[in-house]
Amino acid sequence: MKGRALFAFNLRRLRLERGVSQEQLAADSEVDRAYVSELENKRGNPTVDFLDKLATALDVPLHEFFRLPEPGSRRPKPLPSGRHPRAKQR
């Protein structure tokens, strides 16, 4: 797997494991949501400084973006879209 594809796979994996939307990650990283999408779709090319911002926002060490997936791993499915109802208060 090439570097950009490896990064894109892991960015999406880490974001979804934490239940963070692209919008929230973008806000936490101080970029536009479209840029997060570009990165996850192998179209963006982030700087090392921006990788640091993403790692901080996701609370992971930088090397997690370059971890090789297990054999047979598939691209993580997206989070459900739309708003989620709030839990009823007692």
C-alpha atoms as a PDB file:
ATOM      1  CA  MET A   1       0.000   0.000   0.000  1.00  0.00           C
ATOM      2  CA  LYS A   2       1.411   3.399  -0.968  1.00  0.00           C
ATOM      3  CA  GLY A   3       1.939   6.085   1.663  1.00  0.00           C
ATOM      4  CA  ARG A   4      -0.993   8.317   0.739  1.00  0.00           C
ATOM      5  CA  ALA A   5      -3.393   5.363   0.613  1.00  0.00           C
ATOM      6  CA  LEU A   6      -2.077   4.060   3.933  1.00  0.00           C
ATOM      7  CA  PHE A   7      -2.550   7.465   5.558  1.00  0.00           C
ATOM      8  CA  ALA A   8      -6.075   7.826   4.100  1.00  0.00           C
ATOM      9  CA  PHE A   9      -7.089   4.365   5.345  1.00  0.00           C
ATOM     10  CA  ASN A  10      -5.822   5.031   8.847  1.00  0.00           C
ATOM     11  CA  LEU A  11      -7.222   8.554   9.077  1.00  0.00           C
ATOM     12  CA  ARG A  12     -10.684   7.243   8.299  1.00  0.00           C
ATOM     13  CA  ARG A  13     -10.217   4.231  10.606  1.00  0.00           C
ATOM     14  CA  LEU A  14      -9.110   6.360  13.533  1.00  0.00           C
ATOM     15  CA  ARG A  15     -11.824   8.951  13.004  1.00  0.00           C
ATOM     16  CA  LEU A  16     -14.576   6.340  12.833  1.00  0.00           C
ATOM     17  CA  GLU A  17     -13.250   4.338  15.794  1.00  0.00           C
ATOM     18  CA  ARG A  18     -13.674   7.489  17.848  1.00  0.00           C
ATOM     19  CA  GLY A  19     -17.105   8.294  16.400  1.00  0.00           C
ATOM     20  CA  VAL A  20     -15.922  11.674  15.107  1.00  0.00           C
ATOM     21  CA  SER A  21     -17.527  13.214  12.021  1.00  0.00           C
ATOM     22  CA  GLN A  22     -15.471  14.834   9.299  1.00  0.00           C
ATOM     23  CA  GLU A  23     -17.001  18.162  10.336  1.00  0.00           C
ATOM     24  CA  GLN A  24     -15.914  17.754  13.940  1.00  0.00           C
ATOM     25  CA  LEU A  25     -12.404  16.637  12.983  1.00  0.00           C
ATOM     26  CA  ALA A  26     -12.124  19.590  10.609  1.00  0.00           C
ATOM     27  CA  ALA A  27     -13.226  22.009  13.332  1.00  0.00           C
ATOM     28  CA  ASP A  28     -10.807  20.476  15.854  1.00  0.00           C
ATOM     29  CA  SER A  29      -7.990  20.662  13.277  1.00  0.00           C
ATOM     30  CA  GLU A  30      -8.931  24.163  12.079  1.00  0.00           C
ATOM     31  CA  VAL A  31      -9.478  23.259   8.411  1.00  0.00           C
ATOM     32  CA  ASP A  32     -12.415  22.955   6.048  1.00  0.00           C
ATOM     33  CA  ARG A  33     -14.382  19.692   6.120  1.00  0.00           C
ATOM     34  CA  ALA A  34     -13.739  19.275   2.387  1.00  0.00           C
ATOM     35  CA  TYR A  35     -10.010  18.976   3.105  1.00  0.00           C
ATOM     36  CA  VAL A  36     -10.606  16.121   5.563  1.00  0.00           C
ATOM     37  CA  SER A  37     -12.647  14.426   2.842  1.00  0.00           C
ATOM     38  CA  GLU A  38      -9.835  14.950   0.315  1.00  0.00           C
ATOM     39  CA  LEU A  39      -7.363  13.352   2.716  1.00  0.00           C
ATOM     40  CA  GLU A  40      -9.590  10.332   3.310  1.00  0.00           C
ATOM     41  CA  ASN A  41     -10.038   9.921  -0.441  1.00  0.00           C
ATOM     42  CA  LYS A  42      -6.291  10.031  -1.216  1.00  0.00           C
ATOM     43  CA  ARG A  43      -6.498  13.412  -2.960  1.00  0.00           C
ATOM     44  CA  GLY A  44      -4.866  15.586  -0.294  1.00  0.00           C
ATOM     45  CA  ASN A  45      -1.229  15.779   0.677  1.00  0.00           C
ATOM     46  CA  PRO A  46      -0.904  17.024   4.278  1.00  0.00           C
ATOM     47  CA  THR A  47       2.148  18.644   5.791  1.00  0.00           C
ATOM     48  CA  VAL A  48       3.847  17.148   8.817  1.00  0.00           C
ATOM     49  CA  ASP A  49       2.547  20.083  10.870  1.00  0.00           C
ATOM     50  CA  PHE A  50      -1.006  19.228   9.834  1.00  0.00           C
ATOM     51  CA  LEU A  51      -0.443  15.550  10.654  1.00  0.00           C
ATOM     52  CA  ASP A  52       0.456  16.733  14.156  1.00  0.00           C
ATOM     53  CA  LYS A  53      -2.844  18.653  14.353  1.00  0.00           C
ATOM     54  CA  LEU A  54      -4.826  15.611  13.252  1.00  0.00           C
ATOM     55  CA  ALA A  55      -3.012  13.350  15.715  1.00  0.00           C
ATOM     56  CA  THR A  56      -3.742  15.812  18.521  1.00  0.00           C
ATOM     57  CA  ALA A  57      -7.406  16.132  17.520  1.00  0.00           C
ATOM     58  CA  LEU A  58      -7.784  12.335  17.426  1.00  0.00           C
ATOM     59  CA  ASP A  59      -5.598  11.820  20.520  1.00  0.00           C
ATOM     60  CA  VAL A  60      -3.295   9.314  18.815  1.00  0.00           C
ATOM     61  CA  PRO A  61       0.457   9.113  18.278  1.00  0.00           C
ATOM     62  CA  LEU A  62       1.586  10.243  14.834  1.00  0.00           C
ATOM     63  CA  HIS A  63       2.759   6.763  13.840  1.00  0.00           C
ATOM     64  CA  GLU A  64      -0.852   5.468  13.961  1.00  0.00           C
ATOM     65  CA  PHE A  65      -1.427   7.122  10.574  1.00  0.00           C
ATOM     66  CA  PHE A  66       1.127   4.756   9.054  1.00  0.00           C
ATOM     67  CA  ARG A  67       0.169   1.452  10.679  1.00  0.00           C
ATOM     68  CA  LEU A  68      -0.248  -1.337   8.142  1.00  0.00           C
ATOM     69  CA  PRO A  69      -3.777  -2.780   8.143  1.00  0.00           C
ATOM     70  CA  GLU A  70      -4.348  -6.421   8.923  1.00  0.00           C
ATOM     71  CA  PRO A  71      -4.491  -8.640   5.811  1.00  0.00           C
ATOM     72  CA  GLY A  72      -8.009  -8.583   4.349  1.00  0.00           C
ATOM     73  CA  SER A  73      -8.963  -5.339   6.125  1.00  0.00           C
ATOM     74  CA  ARG A  74     -11.565  -3.301   4.308  1.00  0.00           C
ATOM     75  CA  ARG A  75     -12.077   0.435   4.269  1.00  0.00           C
ATOM     76  CA  PRO A  76     -14.161   1.375   7.330  1.00  0.00           C
ATOM     77  CA  LYS A  77     -17.816   2.133   6.648  1.00  0.00           C
ATOM     78  CA  PRO A  78     -18.935   5.726   7.271  1.00  0.00           C
ATOM     79  CA  LEU A  79     -20.787   6.856  10.355  1.00  0.00           C
ATOM     80  CA  PRO A  80     -24.571   7.009  10.029  1.00  0.00           C
ATOM     81  CA  SER A  81     -25.624  10.328   8.536  1.00  0.00           C
ATOM     82  CA  GLY A  82     -28.092  12.808   9.908  1.00  0.00           C
ATOM     83  CA  ARG A  83     -28.891  13.979  13.365  1.00  0.00           C
ATOM     84  CA  HIS A  84     -29.374  11.519  16.155  1.00  0.00           C
ATOM     85  CA  PRO A  85     -32.202  11.968  18.647  1.00  0.00           C
ATOM     86  CA  ARG A  86     -31.167  12.979  22.118  1.00  0.00           C
ATOM     87  CA  ALA A  87     -31.755  10.626  24.985  1.00  0.00           C
ATOM     88  CA  LYS A  88     -34.908  11.428  26.937  1.00  0.00           C
ATOM     89  CA  GLN A  89     -34.247  13.189  30.204  1.00  0.00           C
ATOM     90  CA  ARG A  90     -35.919  11.899  33.333  1.00  0.00           C
END
